[in-house]
Amino acid sequence: MRHLDAFSARLAAQRFEGVFCSGFGYAASQYGLPDIGYVNWRDINDFAARVRHVLPHTHLLVDIDDGFGEEIITANTVSQLEAAGVSAVMLEDQKRPRRCGHFEGKQVLPVEQFITKLRAALHARRSLCVIARTDAADSRDGLRRAIR
């Protein structure tokens, strides 16, 4: 973690009980690129471990985008992050190629495919909180997905 990143994390931890490690923030700060799929599971695992080192007692919520691919990769990512001491992860239902949640042109997985990936994440953890997020553009579709 660069000095500035460590300083920013410490400032946030002084004001809040937890810190959110976003995919958008990581892609922009580490690569200077938009959040459209450049970040991978290893990047996020390494980043979370560095933040955990700087903030050993702060809750960490880590954005794992779409789980970085198939459900086996999602499960591995969740296991690794829990071992690093992360409190929670956020998993989205986007179809690849993925785009930052702030951008237009996102497509979502069929709900059954996302549920398969979500179940893999849930089975891979012991006590880590998994937050499921939808990027459905239509509010009715988003509500249907959330209830499912």
N, C-alpha and C. Protein backbone atom coordinates (compact mmCIF):
# COMPACT_ATOMS: atom_id res chain seq x y z
N MET A 1 0.85 -1.16 0.00
CA MET A 1 0.00 0.00 0.00
C MET A 1 0.89 1.23 0.00
N ARG A 2 0.63 2.12 -0.90
CA ARG A 2 1.41 3.36 -0.94
C ARG A 2 1.13 4.17 0.32
N HIS A 3 2.05 5.05 0.66
CA HIS A 3 1.93 5.87 1.87
C HIS A 3 0.62 6.63 1.90
N LEU A 4 0.22 7.24 0.79
CA LEU A 4 -1.01 8.01 0.74
C LEU A 4 -2.22 7.12 1.02
N ASP A 5 -2.24 5.88 0.48
CA ASP A 5 -3.35 4.96 0.72
C ASP A 5 -3.44 4.63 2.21
N ALA A 6 -2.33 4.36 2.85
CA ALA A 6 -2.31 4.04 4.28
C ALA A 6 -2.82 5.22 5.09
N PHE A 7 -2.41 6.41 4.72
CA PHE A 7 -2.84 7.62 5.41
C PHE A 7 -4.35 7.80 5.27
N SER A 8 -4.87 7.62 4.06
CA SER A 8 -6.31 7.76 3.81
C SER A 8 -7.10 6.74 4.61
N ALA A 9 -6.61 5.50 4.66
CA ALA A 9 -7.30 4.45 5.41
C ALA A 9 -7.33 4.77 6.89
N ARG A 10 -6.23 5.27 7.41
CA ARG A 10 -6.18 5.63 8.83
C ARG A 10 -7.13 6.78 9.15
N LEU A 11 -7.19 7.78 8.26
CA LEU A 11 -8.12 8.89 8.46
C LEU A 11 -9.56 8.40 8.49
N ALA A 12 -9.92 7.54 7.57
CA ALA A 12 -11.28 7.00 7.52
C ALA A 12 -11.59 6.22 8.80
N ALA A 13 -10.65 5.42 9.25
CA ALA A 13 -10.86 4.59 10.44
C ALA A 13 -11.01 5.44 11.71
N GLN A 14 -10.45 6.64 11.72
CA GLN A 14 -10.61 7.52 12.88
C GLN A 14 -12.03 8.06 12.99
N ARG A 15 -12.73 8.12 11.88
CA ARG A 15 -14.07 8.71 11.85
C ARG A 15 -15.20 7.68 11.80
N PHE A 16 -14.89 6.48 11.31
CA PHE A 16 -15.93 5.48 11.07
C PHE A 16 -15.53 4.14 11.66
N GLU A 17 -16.53 3.29 11.93
CA GLU A 17 -16.28 1.96 12.47
C GLU A 17 -15.71 1.02 11.42
N GLY A 18 -15.93 1.33 10.17
CA GLY A 18 -15.47 0.47 9.10
C GLY A 18 -15.00 1.25 7.90
N VAL A 19 -14.32 0.54 7.02
CA VAL A 19 -13.78 1.13 5.79
C VAL A 19 -14.27 0.28 4.63
N PHE A 20 -14.71 0.93 3.56
CA PHE A 20 -15.15 0.25 2.34
C PHE A 20 -14.02 0.30 1.33
N CYS A 21 -13.58 -0.85 0.89
CA CYS A 21 -12.55 -0.95 -0.15
C CYS A 21 -13.27 -1.23 -1.46
N SER A 22 -13.46 -0.19 -2.26
CA SER A 22 -14.27 -0.33 -3.48
C SER A 22 -13.41 -0.72 -4.68
N GLY A 23 -14.03 -1.44 -5.60
CA GLY A 23 -13.36 -1.79 -6.85
C GLY A 23 -13.03 -0.55 -7.66
N PHE A 24 -13.97 0.41 -7.67
CA PHE A 24 -13.76 1.67 -8.39
C PHE A 24 -12.55 2.41 -7.82
N GLY A 25 -12.49 2.52 -6.48
CA GLY A 25 -11.38 3.21 -5.84
C GLY A 25 -10.05 2.53 -6.09
N TYR A 26 -10.06 1.19 -6.06
CA TYR A 26 -8.82 0.45 -6.30
C TYR A 26 -8.35 0.65 -7.74
N ALA A 27 -9.23 0.47 -8.71
CA ALA A 27 -8.85 0.60 -10.12
C ALA A 27 -8.31 2.00 -10.41
N ALA A 28 -8.96 3.01 -9.85
CA ALA A 28 -8.53 4.39 -10.10
C ALA A 28 -7.21 4.70 -9.41
N SER A 29 -7.06 4.28 -8.14
CA SER A 29 -5.86 4.65 -7.40
C SER A 29 -4.64 3.81 -7.77
N GLN A 30 -4.83 2.56 -8.10
CA GLN A 30 -3.69 1.69 -8.40
C GLN A 30 -3.30 1.68 -9.87
N TYR A 31 -4.30 1.77 -10.74
CA TYR A 31 -4.03 1.66 -12.19
C TYR A 31 -4.27 2.95 -12.96
N GLY A 32 -5.02 3.88 -12.34
CA GLY A 32 -5.39 5.09 -13.07
C GLY A 32 -6.35 4.76 -14.21
N LEU A 33 -7.12 3.70 -14.04
CA LEU A 33 -8.03 3.23 -15.08
C LEU A 33 -9.45 3.12 -14.53
N PRO A 34 -10.44 3.12 -15.43
CA PRO A 34 -11.82 2.95 -14.97
C PRO A 34 -12.05 1.52 -14.48
N ASP A 35 -13.09 1.35 -13.71
CA ASP A 35 -13.43 0.04 -13.14
C ASP A 35 -14.27 -0.75 -14.14
N ILE A 36 -13.59 -1.33 -15.12
CA ILE A 36 -14.28 -2.09 -16.16
C ILE A 36 -13.68 -3.48 -16.33
N GLY A 37 -13.14 -4.03 -15.25
CA GLY A 37 -12.66 -5.40 -15.30
C GLY A 37 -11.16 -5.59 -15.19
N TYR A 38 -10.41 -4.54 -14.96
CA TYR A 38 -8.96 -4.67 -14.83
C TYR A 38 -8.56 -5.33 -13.51
N VAL A 39 -9.35 -5.10 -12.47
CA VAL A 39 -9.03 -5.61 -11.14
C VAL A 39 -9.36 -7.10 -11.09
N ASN A 40 -8.46 -7.88 -10.47
CA ASN A 40 -8.70 -9.32 -10.34
C ASN A 40 -8.70 -9.73 -8.87
N TRP A 41 -9.01 -10.99 -8.62
CA TRP A 41 -9.14 -11.47 -7.23
C TRP A 41 -7.84 -11.33 -6.46
N ARG A 42 -6.72 -11.52 -7.09
CA ARG A 42 -5.43 -11.40 -6.39
C ARG A 42 -5.16 -9.96 -5.97
N ASP A 43 -5.48 -9.01 -6.87
CA ASP A 43 -5.33 -7.59 -6.53
C ASP A 43 -6.11 -7.25 -5.27
N ILE A 44 -7.37 -7.65 -5.24
CA ILE A 44 -8.23 -7.30 -4.10
C ILE A 44 -7.79 -8.01 -2.84
N ASN A 45 -7.39 -9.28 -2.94
CA ASN A 45 -6.90 -9.99 -1.76
C ASN A 45 -5.66 -9.32 -1.18
N ASP A 46 -4.72 -8.97 -2.04
CA ASP A 46 -3.50 -8.30 -1.59
C ASP A 46 -3.81 -6.94 -0.98
N PHE A 47 -4.68 -6.19 -1.63
CA PHE A 47 -5.05 -4.87 -1.14
C PHE A 47 -5.72 -4.96 0.24
N ALA A 48 -6.66 -5.89 0.38
CA ALA A 48 -7.35 -6.06 1.66
C ALA A 48 -6.38 -6.46 2.76
N ALA A 49 -5.42 -7.31 2.44
CA ALA A 49 -4.42 -7.72 3.44
C ALA A 49 -3.57 -6.53 3.88
N ARG A 50 -3.24 -5.64 2.93
CA ARG A 50 -2.46 -4.45 3.29
C ARG A 50 -3.28 -3.49 4.16
N VAL A 51 -4.54 -3.32 3.82
CA VAL A 51 -5.40 -2.46 4.62
C VAL A 51 -5.56 -3.06 6.01
N ARG A 52 -5.76 -4.37 6.09
CA ARG A 52 -5.89 -5.05 7.38
C ARG A 52 -4.64 -4.84 8.23
N HIS A 53 -3.48 -4.86 7.61
CA HIS A 53 -2.22 -4.64 8.34
C HIS A 53 -2.19 -3.24 8.96
N VAL A 54 -2.66 -2.26 8.22
CA VAL A 54 -2.67 -0.88 8.70
C VAL A 54 -3.78 -0.65 9.72
N LEU A 55 -4.91 -1.34 9.54
CA LEU A 55 -6.08 -1.16 10.39
C LEU A 55 -6.50 -2.51 10.98
N PRO A 56 -5.75 -3.00 11.96
CA PRO A 56 -6.02 -4.36 12.45
C PRO A 56 -7.34 -4.53 13.19
N HIS A 57 -7.98 -3.44 13.63
CA HIS A 57 -9.20 -3.57 14.43
C HIS A 57 -10.42 -2.89 13.79
N THR A 58 -10.30 -2.49 12.55
CA THR A 58 -11.38 -1.80 11.86
C THR A 58 -12.13 -2.78 10.96
N HIS A 59 -13.45 -2.67 10.93
CA HIS A 59 -14.23 -3.51 10.02
C HIS A 59 -13.90 -3.13 8.58
N LEU A 60 -13.70 -4.13 7.75
CA LEU A 60 -13.43 -3.90 6.33
C LEU A 60 -14.53 -4.54 5.49
N LEU A 61 -15.14 -3.75 4.63
CA LEU A 61 -16.08 -4.22 3.62
C LEU A 61 -15.35 -4.14 2.29
N VAL A 62 -15.23 -5.25 1.59
CA VAL A 62 -14.47 -5.30 0.35
C VAL A 62 -15.40 -5.63 -0.81
N ASP A 63 -15.33 -4.80 -1.84
CA ASP A 63 -16.08 -5.00 -3.07
C ASP A 63 -15.38 -6.09 -3.89
N ILE A 64 -16.08 -7.20 -4.13
CA ILE A 64 -15.48 -8.26 -4.96
C ILE A 64 -16.13 -8.30 -6.34
N ASP A 65 -16.68 -7.17 -6.74
CA ASP A 65 -17.27 -7.04 -8.07
C ASP A 65 -18.21 -8.21 -8.36
N ASP A 66 -17.97 -8.90 -9.46
CA ASP A 66 -18.82 -10.04 -9.84
C ASP A 66 -18.23 -11.36 -9.35
N GLY A 67 -17.31 -11.27 -8.40
CA GLY A 67 -16.64 -12.47 -7.90
C GLY A 67 -15.45 -12.87 -8.76
N PHE A 68 -15.15 -12.04 -9.76
CA PHE A 68 -13.98 -12.20 -10.63
C PHE A 68 -14.05 -13.42 -11.54
N GLY A 69 -15.24 -13.86 -11.87
CA GLY A 69 -15.38 -14.97 -12.81
C GLY A 69 -16.36 -16.00 -12.31
N GLU A 70 -16.02 -17.24 -12.54
CA GLU A 70 -16.90 -18.35 -12.18
C GLU A 70 -17.00 -18.52 -10.67
N GLU A 71 -17.95 -19.34 -10.25
CA GLU A 71 -18.21 -19.48 -8.81
C GLU A 71 -17.03 -20.06 -8.04
N ILE A 72 -16.18 -20.86 -8.65
CA ILE A 72 -15.01 -21.39 -7.93
C ILE A 72 -14.04 -20.26 -7.57
N ILE A 73 -13.91 -19.28 -8.45
CA ILE A 73 -13.05 -18.13 -8.18
C ILE A 73 -13.70 -17.25 -7.11
N THR A 74 -15.00 -17.09 -7.20
CA THR A 74 -15.73 -16.32 -6.18
C THR A 74 -15.53 -16.95 -4.81
N ALA A 75 -15.69 -18.27 -4.72
CA ALA A 75 -15.54 -18.96 -3.43
C ALA A 75 -14.12 -18.82 -2.90
N ASN A 76 -13.13 -18.95 -3.76
CA ASN A 76 -11.73 -18.79 -3.34
C ASN A 76 -11.47 -17.38 -2.84
N THR A 77 -11.99 -16.39 -3.54
CA THR A 77 -11.81 -15.00 -3.14
C THR A 77 -12.41 -14.76 -1.76
N VAL A 78 -13.61 -15.27 -1.53
CA VAL A 78 -14.27 -15.11 -0.23
C VAL A 78 -13.44 -15.78 0.87
N SER A 79 -12.99 -17.00 0.63
CA SER A 79 -12.17 -17.72 1.62
C SER A 79 -10.90 -16.96 1.96
N GLN A 80 -10.22 -16.46 0.95
CA GLN A 80 -8.97 -15.72 1.15
C GLN A 80 -9.21 -14.43 1.93
N LEU A 81 -10.27 -13.72 1.58
CA LEU A 81 -10.56 -12.46 2.27
C LEU A 81 -10.96 -12.70 3.72
N GLU A 82 -11.71 -13.75 3.97
CA GLU A 82 -12.06 -14.05 5.36
C GLU A 82 -10.80 -14.40 6.15
N ALA A 83 -9.89 -15.16 5.56
CA ALA A 83 -8.64 -15.50 6.23
C ALA A 83 -7.80 -14.26 6.52
N ALA A 84 -7.95 -13.23 5.69
CA ALA A 84 -7.22 -11.97 5.90
C ALA A 84 -7.88 -11.09 6.95
N GLY A 85 -9.05 -11.49 7.44
CA GLY A 85 -9.70 -10.73 8.49
C GLY A 85 -10.73 -9.72 8.02
N VAL A 86 -11.18 -9.85 6.78
CA VAL A 86 -12.20 -8.95 6.26
C VAL A 86 -13.53 -9.26 6.94
N SER A 87 -14.32 -8.24 7.22
CA SER A 87 -15.61 -8.40 7.90
C SER A 87 -16.73 -8.77 6.94
N ALA A 88 -16.70 -8.19 5.73
CA ALA A 88 -17.80 -8.40 4.78
C ALA A 88 -17.30 -8.19 3.36
N VAL A 89 -18.02 -8.82 2.42
CA VAL A 89 -17.76 -8.61 1.00
C VAL A 89 -19.08 -8.23 0.32
N MET A 90 -18.96 -7.54 -0.80
CA MET A 90 -20.13 -7.20 -1.60
C MET A 90 -19.97 -7.83 -2.98
N LEU A 91 -20.95 -8.61 -3.38
CA LEU A 91 -20.95 -9.32 -4.65
C LEU A 91 -22.08 -8.80 -5.52
N GLU A 92 -21.77 -8.46 -6.76
CA GLU A 92 -22.78 -7.91 -7.67
C GLU A 92 -23.19 -8.97 -8.69
N ASP A 93 -24.30 -8.72 -9.35
CA ASP A 93 -24.87 -9.68 -10.30
C ASP A 93 -24.58 -9.35 -11.76
N GLN A 94 -23.50 -8.63 -12.02
CA GLN A 94 -23.19 -8.27 -13.40
C GLN A 94 -22.69 -9.43 -14.22
N LYS A 95 -22.96 -9.32 -15.51
CA LYS A 95 -22.47 -10.25 -16.51
C LYS A 95 -21.17 -9.67 -17.06
N ARG A 96 -20.24 -10.53 -17.43
CA ARG A 96 -18.99 -10.07 -18.03
C ARG A 96 -19.18 -9.77 -19.51
N PRO A 97 -18.49 -8.81 -20.06
CA PRO A 97 -17.53 -7.94 -19.39
C PRO A 97 -18.26 -6.95 -18.49
N ARG A 98 -17.76 -6.82 -17.27
CA ARG A 98 -18.41 -5.98 -16.27
C ARG A 98 -17.99 -4.52 -16.43
N ARG A 99 -18.81 -3.67 -15.85
CA ARG A 99 -18.56 -2.23 -15.86
C ARG A 99 -18.81 -1.69 -14.46
N CYS A 100 -18.16 -0.63 -14.12
CA CYS A 100 -18.38 0.02 -12.83
C CYS A 100 -19.86 0.31 -12.66
N GLY A 101 -20.34 0.18 -11.43
CA GLY A 101 -21.74 0.44 -11.14
C GLY A 101 -22.20 1.84 -11.51
N HIS A 102 -21.26 2.78 -11.65
CA HIS A 102 -21.59 4.16 -11.99
C HIS A 102 -21.75 4.36 -13.50
N PHE A 103 -21.36 3.36 -14.30
CA PHE A 103 -21.35 3.50 -15.76
C PHE A 103 -22.62 2.92 -16.37
N GLU A 104 -22.94 3.39 -17.56
CA GLU A 104 -24.05 2.85 -18.34
C GLU A 104 -23.60 1.57 -19.03
N GLY A 105 -24.56 0.82 -19.54
CA GLY A 105 -24.24 -0.35 -20.35
C GLY A 105 -24.01 -1.63 -19.58
N LYS A 106 -24.39 -1.65 -18.31
CA LYS A 106 -24.21 -2.88 -17.52
C LYS A 106 -25.27 -3.89 -17.92
N GLN A 107 -24.89 -5.16 -17.87
CA GLN A 107 -25.83 -6.25 -18.08
C GLN A 107 -25.76 -7.16 -16.87
N VAL A 108 -26.90 -7.70 -16.47
CA VAL A 108 -26.92 -8.57 -15.30
C VAL A 108 -27.07 -10.03 -15.73
N LEU A 109 -26.53 -10.90 -14.88
CA LEU A 109 -26.67 -12.33 -15.10
C LEU A 109 -28.12 -12.75 -14.94
N PRO A 110 -28.51 -13.84 -15.59
CA PRO A 110 -29.81 -14.41 -15.24
C PRO A 110 -29.80 -14.72 -13.75
N VAL A 111 -30.92 -14.52 -13.07
CA VAL A 111 -30.97 -14.62 -11.62
C VAL A 111 -30.49 -15.98 -11.12
N GLU A 112 -30.79 -17.06 -11.82
CA GLU A 112 -30.35 -18.39 -11.38
C GLU A 112 -28.82 -18.51 -11.40
N GLN A 113 -28.18 -17.92 -12.39
CA GLN A 113 -26.71 -17.94 -12.44
C GLN A 113 -26.12 -17.16 -11.28
N PHE A 114 -26.73 -16.02 -10.97
CA PHE A 114 -26.22 -15.23 -9.84
C PHE A 114 -26.42 -15.97 -8.53
N ILE A 115 -27.56 -16.60 -8.36
CA ILE A 115 -27.81 -17.35 -7.13
C ILE A 115 -26.79 -18.47 -6.96
N THR A 116 -26.40 -19.12 -8.06
CA THR A 116 -25.36 -20.16 -7.99
C THR A 116 -24.05 -19.56 -7.48
N LYS A 117 -23.69 -18.40 -8.00
CA LYS A 117 -22.46 -17.73 -7.56
C LYS A 117 -22.56 -17.27 -6.11
N LEU A 118 -23.72 -16.73 -5.75
CA LEU A 118 -23.95 -16.27 -4.37
C LEU A 118 -23.87 -17.45 -3.40
N ARG A 119 -24.46 -18.56 -3.76
CA ARG A 119 -24.38 -19.75 -2.89
C ARG A 119 -22.94 -20.22 -2.72
N ALA A 120 -22.16 -20.16 -3.77
CA ALA A 120 -20.74 -20.53 -3.67
C ALA A 120 -20.03 -19.62 -2.67
N ALA A 121 -20.32 -18.33 -2.73
CA ALA A 121 -19.72 -17.38 -1.79
C ALA A 121 -20.16 -17.69 -0.36
N LEU A 122 -21.43 -17.98 -0.17
CA LEU A 122 -21.96 -18.26 1.17
C LEU A 122 -21.39 -19.55 1.75
N HIS A 123 -21.22 -20.55 0.91
CA HIS A 123 -20.66 -21.82 1.39
C HIS A 123 -19.17 -21.73 1.69
N ALA A 124 -18.49 -20.79 1.08
CA ALA A 124 -17.04 -20.65 1.25
C ALA A 124 -16.66 -19.93 2.54
N ARG A 125 -17.60 -19.27 3.16
CA ARG A 125 -17.29 -18.46 4.35
C ARG A 125 -17.75 -19.18 5.62
N ARG A 126 -17.18 -18.73 6.74
CA ARG A 126 -17.61 -19.24 8.04
C ARG A 126 -18.50 -18.20 8.72
N SER A 127 -17.98 -16.98 8.91
CA SER A 127 -18.77 -15.95 9.58
C SER A 127 -18.77 -14.62 8.84
N LEU A 128 -18.04 -14.52 7.77
CA LEU A 128 -17.98 -13.31 6.95
C LEU A 128 -19.37 -12.97 6.43
N CYS A 129 -19.73 -11.70 6.42
CA CYS A 129 -21.01 -11.24 5.89
C CYS A 129 -20.88 -11.08 4.38
N VAL A 130 -21.83 -11.62 3.64
CA VAL A 130 -21.86 -11.47 2.18
C VAL A 130 -23.05 -10.60 1.81
N ILE A 131 -22.77 -9.47 1.17
CA ILE A 131 -23.82 -8.56 0.73
C ILE A 131 -24.02 -8.78 -0.76
N ALA A 132 -25.23 -9.12 -1.16
CA ALA A 132 -25.55 -9.31 -2.57
C ALA A 132 -26.14 -8.01 -3.10
N ARG A 133 -25.62 -7.57 -4.24
CA ARG A 133 -26.06 -6.31 -4.83
C ARG A 133 -26.50 -6.54 -6.27
N THR A 134 -27.55 -5.87 -6.68
CA THR A 134 -27.97 -5.97 -8.07
C THR A 134 -27.64 -4.68 -8.81
N ASP A 135 -27.29 -4.85 -10.06
CA ASP A 135 -27.08 -3.72 -10.95
C ASP A 135 -28.19 -3.63 -11.98
N ALA A 136 -29.34 -4.22 -11.68
CA ALA A 136 -30.48 -4.17 -12.58
C ALA A 136 -30.87 -2.71 -12.81
N ALA A 137 -31.06 -2.35 -14.07
CA ALA A 137 -31.40 -0.96 -14.42
C ALA A 137 -32.86 -0.65 -14.11
N ASP A 138 -33.71 -1.64 -14.19
CA ASP A 138 -35.14 -1.47 -13.94
C ASP A 138 -35.44 -1.77 -12.48
N SER A 139 -36.12 -0.85 -11.80
CA SER A 139 -36.38 -1.02 -10.37
C SER A 139 -37.24 -2.25 -10.08
N ARG A 140 -38.17 -2.59 -10.95
CA ARG A 140 -38.98 -3.80 -10.75
C ARG A 140 -38.13 -5.05 -10.83
N ASP A 141 -37.24 -5.07 -11.81
CA ASP A 141 -36.33 -6.22 -11.94
C ASP A 141 -35.40 -6.31 -10.73
N GLY A 142 -34.91 -5.17 -10.27
CA GLY A 142 -34.04 -5.16 -9.09
C GLY A 142 -34.76 -5.69 -7.86
N LEU A 143 -36.01 -5.28 -7.67
CA LEU A 143 -36.80 -5.76 -6.54
C LEU A 143 -37.06 -7.26 -6.65
N ARG A 144 -37.39 -7.73 -7.85
CA ARG A 144 -37.62 -9.15 -8.07
C ARG A 144 -36.37 -9.95 -7.74
N ARG A 145 -35.22 -9.44 -8.14
CA ARG A 145 -33.96 -10.12 -7.87
C ARG A 145 -33.66 -10.14 -6.37
N ALA A 146 -33.93 -9.04 -5.69
CA ALA A 146 -33.64 -8.94 -4.26
C ALA A 146 -34.52 -9.90 -3.46
N ILE A 147 -35.76 -10.03 -3.85
CA ILE A 147 -36.67 -10.92 -3.14
C ILE A 147 -36.29 -12.38 -3.38
N ARG A 148 -35.80 -12.66 -4.53
CA ARG A 148 -35.44 -14.03 -4.92
C ARG A 148 -34.40 -14.57 -3.98
